Amino acid sequence: MGAVTRRAVIRYVNALNRHDPDEIAACVTPDFHNEHTSAAGRSLRGREAYRDRLVGFLAEFAGLSYEIEDVIVEGDRAAVPYRMTFLYDGAPVLIRGVFRFLVAGDLVAHRVDYWDGADFERQIAR
């Protein structure tokens, strides 16, 4: 189970880095729960709603790239510390965070994203 979970979360992050909403959405379950802990984030449920939001998200965060720092797996759960970089209104931004995943089969069923919204606000206020 751990190997399947590891492959699923790496496939998901790699899809994010390729910026294709259809490819990213294909990595999640139909009832996917995308949960944000930061006040700046917005949680939602459902693959279609997630896919629809991805279009604007990828346009707003130009050149989005997640660098995986580690992949910690236990059964169908994983934690993935990351370094996210992108351009926001032309300004470079670097955010460190952690994804926590629940995988069902070989798809991501639940993603919790932990990152510091105040750090983001500080960087874009330059």
C-alpha atoms as a PDB file:
ATOM      1  CA  MET A   1       0.000   0.000   0.000  1.00  0.00           C
ATOM      2  CA  GLY A   2       2.804   2.437   0.831  1.00  0.00           C
ATOM      3  CA  ALA A   3       4.356   2.153  -2.631  1.00  0.00           C
ATOM      4  CA  VAL A   4       1.000   2.921  -4.282  1.00  0.00           C
ATOM      5  CA  THR A   5       0.513   5.929  -1.999  1.00  0.00           C
ATOM      6  CA  ARG A   6       4.005   7.229  -2.754  1.00  0.00           C
ATOM      7  CA  ARG A   7       3.435   6.911  -6.520  1.00  0.00           C
ATOM      8  CA  ALA A   8       0.026   8.626  -6.297  1.00  0.00           C
ATOM      9  CA  VAL A   9       1.272  11.693  -4.423  1.00  0.00           C
ATOM     10  CA  ILE A  10       4.390  12.096  -6.557  1.00  0.00           C
ATOM     11  CA  ARG A  11       2.279  11.755  -9.707  1.00  0.00           C
ATOM     12  CA  TYR A  12      -0.063  14.442  -8.353  1.00  0.00           C
ATOM     13  CA  VAL A  13       2.735  16.907  -7.525  1.00  0.00           C
ATOM     14  CA  ASN A  14       4.391  16.270 -10.897  1.00  0.00           C
ATOM     15  CA  ALA A  15       1.057  17.004 -12.609  1.00  0.00           C
ATOM     16  CA  LEU A  16       0.810  20.298 -10.693  1.00  0.00           C
ATOM     17  CA  ASN A  17       4.261  21.194 -12.001  1.00  0.00           C
ATOM     18  CA  ARG A  18       3.120  20.577 -15.590  1.00  0.00           C
ATOM     19  CA  HIS A  19       0.212  23.064 -15.184  1.00  0.00           C
ATOM     20  CA  ASP A  20      -2.419  20.958 -17.007  1.00  0.00           C
ATOM     21  CA  PRO A  21      -5.774  21.162 -15.153  1.00  0.00           C
ATOM     22  CA  ASP A  22      -7.068  17.976 -16.790  1.00  0.00           C
ATOM     23  CA  GLU A  23      -3.941  15.990 -15.867  1.00  0.00           C
ATOM     24  CA  ILE A  24      -4.045  17.296 -12.291  1.00  0.00           C
ATOM     25  CA  ALA A  25      -7.761  16.535 -11.903  1.00  0.00           C
ATOM     26  CA  ALA A  26      -7.166  13.004 -13.237  1.00  0.00           C
ATOM     27  CA  CYS A  27      -4.963  12.389 -10.166  1.00  0.00           C
ATOM     28  CA  VAL A  28      -7.827  12.893  -7.680  1.00  0.00           C
ATOM     29  CA  THR A  29     -11.007  11.006  -6.790  1.00  0.00           C
ATOM     30  CA  PRO A  30     -14.425  12.253  -7.959  1.00  0.00           C
ATOM     31  CA  ASP A  31     -15.253  13.277  -4.362  1.00  0.00           C
ATOM     32  CA  PHE A  32     -11.808  14.818  -3.749  1.00  0.00           C
ATOM     33  CA  HIS A  33     -11.560  17.095  -0.708  1.00  0.00           C
ATOM     34  CA  ASN A  34      -9.078  19.947  -1.163  1.00  0.00           C
ATOM     35  CA  GLU A  35      -8.594  21.467   2.300  1.00  0.00           C
ATOM     36  CA  HIS A  36      -6.590  24.607   3.113  1.00  0.00           C
ATOM     37  CA  THR A  37      -5.550  25.581   6.623  1.00  0.00           C
ATOM     38  CA  SER A  38      -4.318  29.072   5.694  1.00  0.00           C
ATOM     39  CA  ALA A  39      -6.809  31.911   5.910  1.00  0.00           C
ATOM     40  CA  ALA A  40      -5.755  32.849   2.357  1.00  0.00           C
ATOM     41  CA  GLY A  41      -6.758  29.418   0.995  1.00  0.00           C
ATOM     42  CA  ARG A  42     -10.230  28.171   0.099  1.00  0.00           C
ATOM     43  CA  SER A  43     -11.267  24.575   0.612  1.00  0.00           C
ATOM     44  CA  LEU A  44     -13.588  22.733  -1.755  1.00  0.00           C
ATOM     45  CA  ARG A  45     -14.950  19.294  -2.593  1.00  0.00           C
ATOM     46  CA  GLY A  46     -15.260  17.444  -5.860  1.00  0.00           C
ATOM     47  CA  ARG A  47     -12.982  16.754  -8.813  1.00  0.00           C
ATOM     48  CA  GLU A  48     -14.949  18.968 -11.214  1.00  0.00           C
ATOM     49  CA  ALA A  49     -14.995  21.961  -8.848  1.00  0.00           C
ATOM     50  CA  TYR A  50     -11.269  21.483  -8.258  1.00  0.00           C
ATOM     51  CA  ARG A  51     -10.527  21.257 -11.993  1.00  0.00           C
ATOM     52  CA  ASP A  52     -12.535  24.425 -12.618  1.00  0.00           C
ATOM     53  CA  ARG A  53     -10.614  26.329  -9.921  1.00  0.00           C
ATOM     54  CA  LEU A  54      -7.239  25.127 -11.231  1.00  0.00           C
ATOM     55  CA  VAL A  55      -7.521  27.221 -14.392  1.00  0.00           C
ATOM     56  CA  GLY A  56      -7.543  30.504 -12.452  1.00  0.00           C
ATOM     57  CA  PHE A  57      -5.063  29.283  -9.835  1.00  0.00           C
ATOM     58  CA  LEU A  58      -2.479  28.292 -12.437  1.00  0.00           C
ATOM     59  CA  ALA A  59      -2.934  31.600 -14.275  1.00  0.00           C
ATOM     60  CA  GLU A  60      -2.622  33.652 -11.073  1.00  0.00           C
ATOM     61  CA  PHE A  61       0.503  31.822  -9.841  1.00  0.00           C
ATOM     62  CA  ALA A  62       2.642  31.989 -12.993  1.00  0.00           C
ATOM     63  CA  GLY A  63       5.412  29.437 -13.355  1.00  0.00           C
ATOM     64  CA  LEU A  64       4.165  27.475 -10.340  1.00  0.00           C
ATOM     65  CA  SER A  65       6.625  24.826  -9.215  1.00  0.00           C
ATOM     66  CA  TYR A  66       6.578  22.486  -6.224  1.00  0.00           C
ATOM     67  CA  GLU A  67       9.926  21.082  -5.141  1.00  0.00           C
ATOM     68  CA  ILE A  68       9.376  18.008  -2.975  1.00  0.00           C
ATOM     69  CA  GLU A  69      11.604  18.066   0.106  1.00  0.00           C
ATOM     70  CA  ASP A  70      10.538  14.655   1.441  1.00  0.00           C
ATOM     71  CA  VAL A  71       7.817  12.027   1.080  1.00  0.00           C
ATOM     72  CA  ILE A  72       6.703  10.362   4.313  1.00  0.00           C
ATOM     73  CA  VAL A  73       4.294   7.466   3.793  1.00  0.00           C
ATOM     74  CA  GLU A  74       2.295   5.290   6.134  1.00  0.00           C
ATOM     75  CA  GLY A  75      -0.204   3.019   4.411  1.00  0.00           C
ATOM     76  CA  ASP A  76      -2.700   5.156   2.489  1.00  0.00           C
ATOM     77  CA  ARG A  77      -1.477   8.420   4.055  1.00  0.00           C
ATOM     78  CA  ALA A  78       1.444  10.653   3.118  1.00  0.00           C
ATOM     79  CA  ALA A  79       3.026  13.918   4.192  1.00  0.00           C
ATOM     80  CA  VAL A  80       5.004  15.896   1.621  1.00  0.00           C
ATOM     81  CA  PRO A  81       6.974  18.964   2.724  1.00  0.00           C
ATOM     82  CA  TYR A  82       7.494  21.255  -0.272  1.00  0.00           C
ATOM     83  CA  ARG A  83       8.986  24.505  -1.517  1.00  0.00           C
ATOM     84  CA  MET A  84       6.540  26.283  -3.829  1.00  0.00           C
ATOM     85  CA  THR A  85       7.810  28.999  -6.154  1.00  0.00           C
ATOM     86  CA  PHE A  86       5.881  31.177  -8.591  1.00  0.00           C
ATOM     87  CA  LEU A  87       5.499  34.720  -9.879  1.00  0.00           C
ATOM     88  CA  TYR A  88       2.682  36.809  -8.459  1.00  0.00           C
ATOM     89  CA  ASP A  89       2.061  40.052 -10.353  1.00  0.00           C
ATOM     90  CA  GLY A  90       5.598  39.648 -11.701  1.00  0.00           C
ATOM     91  CA  ALA A  91       7.209  39.289  -8.249  1.00  0.00           C
ATOM     92  CA  PRO A  92       8.969  36.040  -7.301  1.00  0.00           C
ATOM     93  CA  VAL A  93       7.484  34.212  -4.303  1.00  0.00           C
ATOM     94  CA  LEU A  94       8.798  31.247  -2.297  1.00  0.00           C
ATOM     95  CA  ILE A  95       6.511  29.490   0.174  1.00  0.00           C
ATOM     96  CA  ARG A  96       7.410  26.444   2.253  1.00  0.00           C
ATOM     97  CA  GLY A  97       4.545  24.187   3.233  1.00  0.00           C
ATOM     98  CA  VAL A  98       3.358  20.642   3.737  1.00  0.00           C
ATOM     99  CA  PHE A  99       0.735  18.605   1.933  1.00  0.00           C
ATOM    100  CA  ARG A 100      -0.995  15.846   3.897  1.00  0.00           C
ATOM    101  CA  PHE A 101      -2.648  13.278   1.653  1.00  0.00           C
ATOM    102  CA  LEU A 102      -5.134  10.425   1.914  1.00  0.00           C
ATOM    103  CA  VAL A 103      -4.974   8.129  -1.093  1.00  0.00           C
ATOM    104  CA  ALA A 104      -7.772   5.818  -2.276  1.00  0.00           C
ATOM    105  CA  GLY A 105      -6.667   3.221  -4.801  1.00  0.00           C
ATOM    106  CA  ASP A 106      -4.124   5.171  -6.815  1.00  0.00           C
ATOM    107  CA  LEU A 107      -5.856   8.572  -6.580  1.00  0.00           C
ATOM    108  CA  VAL A 108      -5.652  11.394  -4.065  1.00  0.00           C
ATOM    109  CA  ALA A 109      -8.904  11.505  -2.068  1.00  0.00           C
ATOM    110  CA  HIS A 110      -8.048  14.252   0.411  1.00  0.00           C
ATOM    111  CA  ARG A 111      -5.332  16.889   0.423  1.00  0.00           C
ATOM    112  CA  VAL A 112      -4.681  19.216   3.330  1.00  0.00           C
ATOM    113  CA  ASP A 113      -2.338  22.099   2.509  1.00  0.00           C
ATOM    114  CA  TYR A 114      -0.452  23.798   5.358  1.00  0.00           C
ATOM    115  CA  TRP A 115       1.339  27.063   4.506  1.00  0.00           C
ATOM    116  CA  ASP A 116       1.828  30.488   6.035  1.00  0.00           C
ATOM    117  CA  GLY A 117      -0.470  33.029   4.407  1.00  0.00           C
ATOM    118  CA  ALA A 118       1.276  35.872   6.261  1.00  0.00           C
ATOM    119  CA  ASP A 119       4.557  34.932   4.577  1.00  0.00           C
ATOM    120  CA  PHE A 120       2.814  35.143   1.194  1.00  0.00           C
ATOM    121  CA  GLU A 121       1.349  38.576   2.046  1.00  0.00           C
ATOM    122  CA  ARG A 122       4.761  39.817   3.210  1.00  0.00           C
ATOM    123  CA  GLN A 123       6.424  38.719  -0.037  1.00  0.00           C
ATOM    124  CA  ILE A 124       3.865  40.279  -2.383  1.00  0.00           C
ATOM    125  CA  ALA A 125       3.836  43.592  -0.452  1.00  0.00           C
ATOM    126  CA  ARG A 126       7.368  44.505  -1.628  1.00  0.00           C
END
